[in-house]
Protein backbone atom coordinates (compact mmCIF):
# COMPACT_ATOMS: atom_id res chain seq x y z
CA MET A 1 0.34 -9.38 -22.05
CA ASN A 2 -2.06 -12.06 -20.88
CA ASN A 3 -4.80 -11.71 -18.29
CA LEU A 4 -3.43 -11.51 -14.73
CA LYS A 5 -5.31 -12.52 -11.59
CA ILE A 6 -4.33 -10.37 -8.58
CA SER A 7 -5.49 -10.35 -4.96
CA SER A 8 -5.23 -7.36 -2.62
CA ALA A 9 -5.20 -8.39 1.06
CA GLN A 10 -6.08 -6.85 4.40
CA PHE A 11 -5.37 -8.15 7.90
CA GLU A 12 -4.93 -6.99 11.47
CA ASN A 13 -1.18 -6.98 12.06
CA LYS A 14 0.56 -7.17 15.43
CA SER A 15 3.14 -4.50 16.23
CA GLY A 16 6.68 -5.85 16.02
CA ASP A 17 5.52 -9.49 15.82
CA LYS A 18 7.01 -10.52 12.52
CA ARG A 19 6.45 -14.22 13.14
CA TYR A 20 2.71 -13.73 13.65
CA ASN A 21 2.34 -11.34 10.72
CA LEU A 22 4.16 -13.71 8.40
CA SER A 23 1.90 -16.54 9.54
CA VAL A 24 -1.17 -14.55 8.48
CA ILE A 25 0.52 -13.62 5.21
CA GLU A 26 1.24 -17.29 4.57
CA SER A 27 -2.35 -18.32 5.27
CA LEU A 28 -3.79 -15.70 2.94
CA CYS A 29 -1.22 -16.50 0.24
CA ILE A 30 -2.16 -20.18 0.27
CA LYS A 31 -5.88 -19.40 0.06
CA ALA A 32 -5.42 -16.87 -2.75
CA ALA A 33 -3.26 -19.31 -4.71
CA GLN A 34 -5.90 -22.01 -4.30
CA ASP A 35 -8.40 -19.51 -5.73
CA GLY A 36 -6.19 -19.11 -8.77
CA SER A 37 -4.43 -15.82 -8.04
CA ASP A 38 -1.07 -15.22 -9.65
CA VAL A 39 -0.15 -12.34 -7.31
CA ILE A 40 -1.15 -11.15 -3.84
CA ALA A 41 -0.30 -7.76 -2.33
CA PHE A 42 -0.25 -6.76 1.36
CA HIS A 43 -0.18 -3.39 3.12
CA GLU A 44 2.69 -1.09 4.03
CA CYS A 45 4.90 -2.59 6.77
CA SER A 46 2.66 -5.66 6.83
CA ILE A 47 5.55 -7.79 8.12
CA THR A 48 6.66 -5.51 10.96
CA GLY A 49 3.61 -3.44 11.87
CA TYR A 50 3.57 0.29 11.31
CA THR A 51 2.08 2.89 13.65
CA PHE A 52 3.97 1.73 16.76
CA ALA A 53 7.23 2.70 15.04
CA ARG A 54 6.58 6.38 15.74
CA HIS A 55 7.78 5.72 19.32
CA LEU A 56 10.94 3.74 18.50
CA SER A 57 14.52 4.93 19.01
CA ARG A 58 17.16 4.54 16.32
CA SER A 59 18.55 1.42 17.98
CA GLN A 60 15.07 -0.10 18.26
CA MET A 61 14.41 0.66 14.61
CA THR A 62 17.72 -0.90 13.66
CA ASP A 63 16.85 -4.04 15.59
CA LEU A 64 13.46 -4.23 13.90
CA ALA A 65 14.73 -3.56 10.38
CA GLU A 66 16.24 -6.24 8.14
CA PHE A 67 18.72 -6.49 5.32
CA ILE A 68 17.41 -7.18 1.83
CA PRO A 69 17.60 -9.74 0.25
CA ASP A 70 19.12 -11.85 3.04
CA GLY A 71 16.92 -10.89 5.99
CA GLU A 72 15.04 -13.61 7.83
CA SER A 73 11.62 -12.26 6.87
CA ILE A 74 12.53 -11.95 3.20
CA LEU A 75 13.78 -15.53 3.12
CA ARG A 76 10.57 -16.65 4.83
CA LEU A 77 8.50 -14.72 2.29
CA ILE A 78 10.31 -16.50 -0.54
CA GLU A 79 9.58 -19.85 1.13
CA VAL A 80 5.89 -18.97 1.26
CA ALA A 81 5.94 -17.91 -2.40
CA LYS A 82 7.51 -21.24 -3.28
CA LYS A 83 5.05 -23.22 -1.15
CA ALA A 84 1.98 -21.46 -2.56
CA ASP A 85 3.41 -20.82 -6.04
CA ILE A 86 2.34 -17.19 -5.96
CA VAL A 87 4.03 -13.80 -6.28
CA ILE A 88 3.93 -11.86 -2.99
CA LEU A 89 4.29 -8.15 -2.27
CA ALA A 90 4.75 -7.06 1.35
CA GLY A 91 6.37 -4.32 3.41
CA LEU A 92 8.87 -3.94 6.23
CA PHE A 93 11.62 -1.68 7.58
CA GLU A 94 14.97 -2.12 5.85
CA LYS A 95 18.51 -1.42 7.03
CA ASP A 96 21.39 -0.82 4.64
CA GLU A 97 24.74 0.11 6.18
CA ASP A 98 23.91 3.05 8.46
CA LYS A 99 20.55 3.96 6.89
CA LEU A 100 16.97 2.89 7.56
CA TYR A 101 14.20 2.75 4.98
CA LYS A 102 10.56 1.86 4.71
CA THR A 103 10.57 -0.73 1.95
CA TYR A 104 8.18 -2.83 -0.08
CA VAL A 105 9.33 -6.01 -1.77
CA CYS A 106 8.07 -8.27 -4.52
CA VAL A 107 9.18 -11.90 -4.36
CA ASP A 108 8.44 -15.16 -6.09
CA LYS A 109 9.65 -18.72 -5.59
CA ASN A 110 13.03 -17.83 -7.08
CA GLY A 111 13.81 -14.82 -4.91
CA VAL A 112 13.41 -11.04 -4.82
CA ILE A 113 11.98 -9.53 -8.01
CA ALA A 114 11.86 -5.87 -6.96
CA THR A 115 12.34 -3.56 -3.98
CA PHE A 116 11.11 -0.02 -3.48
CA ARG A 117 11.99 2.48 -0.75
CA LYS A 118 9.26 4.94 0.24
CA LEU A 119 9.95 8.40 -1.16
CA HIS A 120 8.07 10.28 1.59
CA PRO A 121 8.49 8.41 4.88
CA PHE A 122 7.39 10.05 8.12
CA ILE A 123 6.43 7.49 10.75
CA ASN A 124 9.87 7.66 12.37
CA PRO A 125 12.51 10.44 12.23
CA TYR A 126 15.36 8.01 11.56
CA LEU A 127 14.01 6.86 8.20
CA THR A 128 15.79 7.92 5.01
CA PRO A 129 13.67 8.77 1.94
CA GLY A 130 14.09 6.63 -1.13
CA ASP A 131 15.56 8.34 -4.18
CA SER A 132 14.26 6.42 -7.20
CA TYR A 133 11.18 4.99 -8.85
CA CYS A 134 10.64 1.29 -9.38
CA VAL A 135 9.27 -0.42 -12.50
CA PHE A 136 9.61 -4.16 -13.06
CA ASP A 137 8.25 -7.01 -15.17
CA LEU A 138 5.64 -9.43 -13.86
CA TYR A 139 4.12 -12.01 -16.19
CA GLY A 140 4.61 -9.66 -19.14
CA TRP A 141 3.09 -6.66 -17.33
CA LYS A 142 5.05 -3.56 -16.30
CA CYS A 143 4.50 -2.91 -12.61
CA GLY A 144 5.39 -0.04 -10.30
CA ILE A 145 5.26 0.52 -6.53
CA LEU A 146 4.43 3.68 -4.57
CA ILE A 147 3.91 3.53 -0.81
CA CYS A 148 1.06 5.38 0.92
CA TYR A 149 1.89 9.13 1.01
CA ASP A 150 3.91 8.76 -2.20
CA ASN A 151 0.59 8.45 -4.01
CA ASN A 152 -0.72 11.77 -2.68
CA ILE A 153 1.99 13.55 -4.65
CA ILE A 154 0.49 13.14 -8.10
CA GLU A 155 3.82 13.59 -9.90
CA ASN A 156 4.99 10.26 -8.46
CA VAL A 157 2.12 8.36 -10.04
CA ARG A 158 2.55 10.09 -13.39
CA ALA A 159 6.33 9.53 -13.36
CA THR A 160 5.92 5.83 -12.60
CA THR A 161 3.39 5.55 -15.42
CA LEU A 162 5.70 7.38 -17.82
CA LEU A 163 8.40 4.85 -16.96
CA GLY A 164 6.09 2.20 -18.36
CA ALA A 165 3.95 0.92 -15.49
CA ASN A 166 0.58 -0.63 -16.40
CA ILE A 167 -0.07 -1.62 -12.78
CA ILE A 168 0.91 0.34 -9.69
CA PHE A 169 0.86 -1.40 -6.33
CA MET A 170 -0.14 1.14 -3.67
CA PRO A 171 0.34 -0.36 -0.18
CA HIS A 172 -1.02 1.90 2.58
CA VAL A 173 -1.67 2.30 6.26
CA THR A 174 -4.23 5.06 5.97
CA MET A 175 -7.62 6.56 6.84
CA CYS A 176 -9.24 7.03 10.25
CA THR A 177 -6.68 9.59 11.43
CA PRO A 178 -6.90 13.36 12.10
CA SER A 179 -6.43 15.83 9.28
CA THR A 180 -7.24 19.43 8.39
CA ARG A 181 -9.89 18.17 5.96
CA PRO A 182 -13.53 18.28 7.12
CA GLY A 183 -14.83 15.08 8.66
CA ALA A 184 -11.46 13.49 9.41
CA GLY A 185 -10.50 11.89 12.71
CA PHE A 186 -9.85 8.71 14.66
CA VAL A 187 -12.47 5.97 14.85
CA ALA A 188 -13.20 4.77 18.38
CA SER A 189 -11.56 1.46 19.27
CA GLU A 190 -14.73 0.45 21.16
CA LEU A 191 -16.50 0.14 17.83
CA TRP A 192 -13.96 -2.47 16.77
CA THR A 193 -14.37 -4.36 20.02
CA ASN A 194 -18.14 -4.38 19.48
CA ARG A 195 -18.03 -5.09 15.74
CA GLU A 196 -19.94 -8.36 15.98
CA SER A 197 -22.80 -6.98 18.11
CA ASP A 198 -22.94 -3.59 16.36
CA PRO A 199 -21.43 -3.80 12.86
CA THR A 200 -23.57 -0.92 11.57
CA SER A 201 -21.98 1.79 13.73
CA LEU A 202 -18.49 0.64 12.74
CA ARG A 203 -19.34 0.45 9.05
CA LEU A 204 -20.80 3.97 9.11
CA GLU A 205 -17.51 5.31 10.52
CA PHE A 206 -15.36 3.23 8.18
CA ASP A 207 -17.31 4.28 5.09
CA GLY A 208 -17.78 7.94 5.99
CA MET A 209 -15.43 10.91 5.66
CA LYS A 210 -12.99 9.44 8.17
CA GLY A 211 -12.45 6.55 5.82
CA ARG A 212 -13.71 5.32 2.46
CA ASP A 213 -15.51 8.50 1.37
CA TRP A 214 -12.19 10.35 1.59
CA LEU A 215 -10.36 7.60 -0.29
CA MET A 216 -12.88 7.79 -3.12
CA LYS A 217 -12.11 11.51 -3.57
CA TRP A 218 -8.69 10.76 -5.04
CA LEU A 219 -7.70 7.10 -5.46
CA PRO A 220 -9.84 6.28 -8.54
CA SER A 221 -8.52 9.43 -10.23
CA ARG A 222 -4.97 8.12 -10.03
CA ALA A 223 -6.04 5.11 -12.10
CA TYR A 224 -8.29 7.11 -14.44
CA ASP A 225 -5.92 9.98 -15.23
CA ASN A 226 -2.99 7.67 -15.93
CA GLY A 227 -4.83 4.77 -17.56
CA ILE A 228 -3.42 2.19 -15.15
CA TYR A 229 -4.56 -0.54 -12.81
CA VAL A 230 -4.23 0.34 -9.11
CA VAL A 231 -3.78 -2.33 -6.45
CA PHE A 232 -4.56 -0.68 -3.10
CA SER A 233 -3.82 -2.60 0.12
CA ASN A 234 -4.60 -1.39 3.66
CA PRO A 235 -4.81 -3.06 7.10
CA ILE A 236 -8.03 -3.81 8.96
CA GLY A 237 -8.43 -3.50 12.74
CA MET A 238 -6.09 -2.11 15.37
CA ASP A 239 -2.64 -0.96 14.30
CA ASP A 240 -1.00 -0.06 17.62
CA ASP A 241 -3.56 2.32 19.20
CA GLN A 242 -5.21 3.34 15.91
CA LEU A 243 -8.05 1.66 14.07
CA LYS A 244 -7.81 1.07 10.32
CA ASN A 245 -10.65 0.29 7.96
CA GLY A 246 -9.24 -2.01 5.28
CA CYS A 247 -11.06 -1.38 1.98
CA SER A 248 -8.28 -3.15 0.07
CA MET A 249 -9.31 -2.90 -3.56
CA ILE A 250 -8.33 -3.15 -7.20
CA ILE A 251 -9.24 -0.32 -9.58
CA ASP A 252 -9.14 -0.51 -13.37
CA PRO A 253 -7.91 2.12 -15.87
CA PHE A 254 -11.44 3.55 -16.12
CA GLY A 255 -11.34 4.36 -12.40
CA ASP A 256 -13.87 1.62 -11.63
CA ILE A 257 -13.52 -0.66 -8.60
CA LEU A 258 -13.18 -4.25 -9.78
CA ALA A 259 -12.98 -5.86 -6.34
CA GLU A 260 -12.92 -4.66 -2.72
CA CYS A 261 -12.68 -6.19 0.75
CA ARG A 262 -15.95 -5.38 2.51
CA THR A 263 -15.66 -7.49 5.66
CA PHE A 264 -13.97 -6.86 9.01
CA ASP A 265 -11.97 -10.09 8.63
CA ASP A 266 -8.46 -10.92 7.49
CA SER A 267 -9.26 -11.38 3.83
CA TYR A 268 -8.49 -10.45 0.24
CA SER A 269 -10.29 -9.23 -2.86
CA THR A 270 -9.44 -10.58 -6.29
CA ALA A 271 -9.77 -9.27 -9.84
CA ILE A 272 -8.66 -10.30 -13.30
CA LEU A 273 -6.64 -7.62 -15.07
CA THR A 274 -7.02 -7.54 -18.86
CA PRO A 275 -4.57 -5.70 -21.11
CA GLU A 276 -7.31 -4.41 -23.45
CA LYS A 277 -8.45 -1.85 -20.88
CA ILE A 278 -5.04 -0.16 -20.91
CA ASN A 279 -5.52 0.90 -24.54
CA LEU A 280 -9.26 1.58 -24.33
CA ALA A 281 -9.22 3.85 -21.27
CA GLY A 282 -9.03 7.62 -21.60
CA GLY A 283 -5.78 7.79 -19.68
CA LYS A 284 -3.92 6.35 -22.67
CA ARG A 285 -5.19 9.21 -24.85
CA TYR A 286 -4.36 11.79 -22.21
CA MET A 287 -0.80 10.52 -21.96
CA ASN A 288 -0.37 10.69 -25.73
CA ALA A 289 -1.85 14.20 -25.87
CA ARG A 290 0.65 15.69 -23.41
CA ARG A 291 2.71 18.76 -24.42
CA PRO A 292 5.65 18.65 -22.01
CA GLU A 293 7.31 21.65 -23.64
CA LEU A 294 4.61 23.79 -21.97
CA TYR A 295 5.29 22.72 -18.41
CA ARG A 296 8.65 20.96 -18.27
CA ASP A 297 10.34 23.95 -16.64
CA ILE A 298 7.36 24.64 -14.37
CA LEU A 299 7.23 21.12 -12.95
CA GLY A 300 10.99 21.07 -12.54
CA ARG A 301 11.28 24.25 -10.49
CA ASP A 302 13.22 23.97 -7.25
CA HIS A 303 11.25 24.34 -4.05
CA LYS A 304 11.62 23.58 -0.39
CA SER A 305 9.81 20.34 0.35
CA GLU A 306 7.65 20.50 3.46
CA GLN A 307 5.89 17.63 5.14
CA ASN A 308 3.42 18.16 7.95
CA VAL A 309 1.44 15.07 8.88
CA VAL A 310 -1.19 16.18 11.37
CA TRP A 311 -1.92 12.87 13.06
CA LEU A 312 1.71 12.32 14.10
CA ASN A 313 1.48 15.49 16.16
CA THR A 314 -1.82 14.49 17.71
CA ARG A 315 -1.99 13.21 21.25
CA LYS A 316 -2.61 9.45 21.48
CA ASN A 317 -6.38 9.17 21.42
CA ASN A 318 -8.41 6.76 19.35
CA LYS A 319 -11.70 7.46 21.13
CA THR A 320 -12.73 10.35 18.91
């Protein structure tokens, strides 16, 4: 494996406006390519928008979703990859026969490289969970994809690593929503409106327990424990009626942040991934020291999967 230069992007998407979202994606792709990036990754449902989908009927979801690989947005993404000469990862809603999925795609100038369907979707009741992991080759690196909530179930990250992934792309739409954890909640939309005159108040909310401080409780550990690079992408600004705080970042196998978006703008952070860290980091030793005979039957026990996402059941209110 050779060094790989990757960018993780953030931008304020518009709900249901695929043309606009793709225009921002194109602009950031061109800039990242000019800066020498080989790959750029965008957030979950970056093409379609995300949070507004909790209100959509099945027919509306079907109209919004696209076929892969022949959907209009996918073809446009491939055009952008060809124009900028960069690999692009982005998300949208997918339709396949009578099923709907939340999907993340990787494309280059030649077409679709990989697709992944979210294993734990919950934004809309008509979505079908994916049923498989995804590991693919990219410039000699083994890459995986896990979308948002998939990464909170630690077995998914370990399984993807065991399948060979050195890099896991983790597109999200997260933070700044209610939860049972202390300090969680919405961030007031007025702070976003006033971000130029009062950036301090917004940054305090974005970086506190509603946002980045919570993220730092668990995201670096996914990289550290598994000895992998993590490419985390998240939107900035209003997503429907909810404010998101960006923080798109790249974390190395030591759990250290290599690069992070720290502005309120549509932007990206860039890092150079080096293969040496994969072998030097503790995660490699931990993987080799495993004794699966001790816990194979424990981890494989049947159980009833339950999913209770607090903010979906919360009354529309982003003025907390």
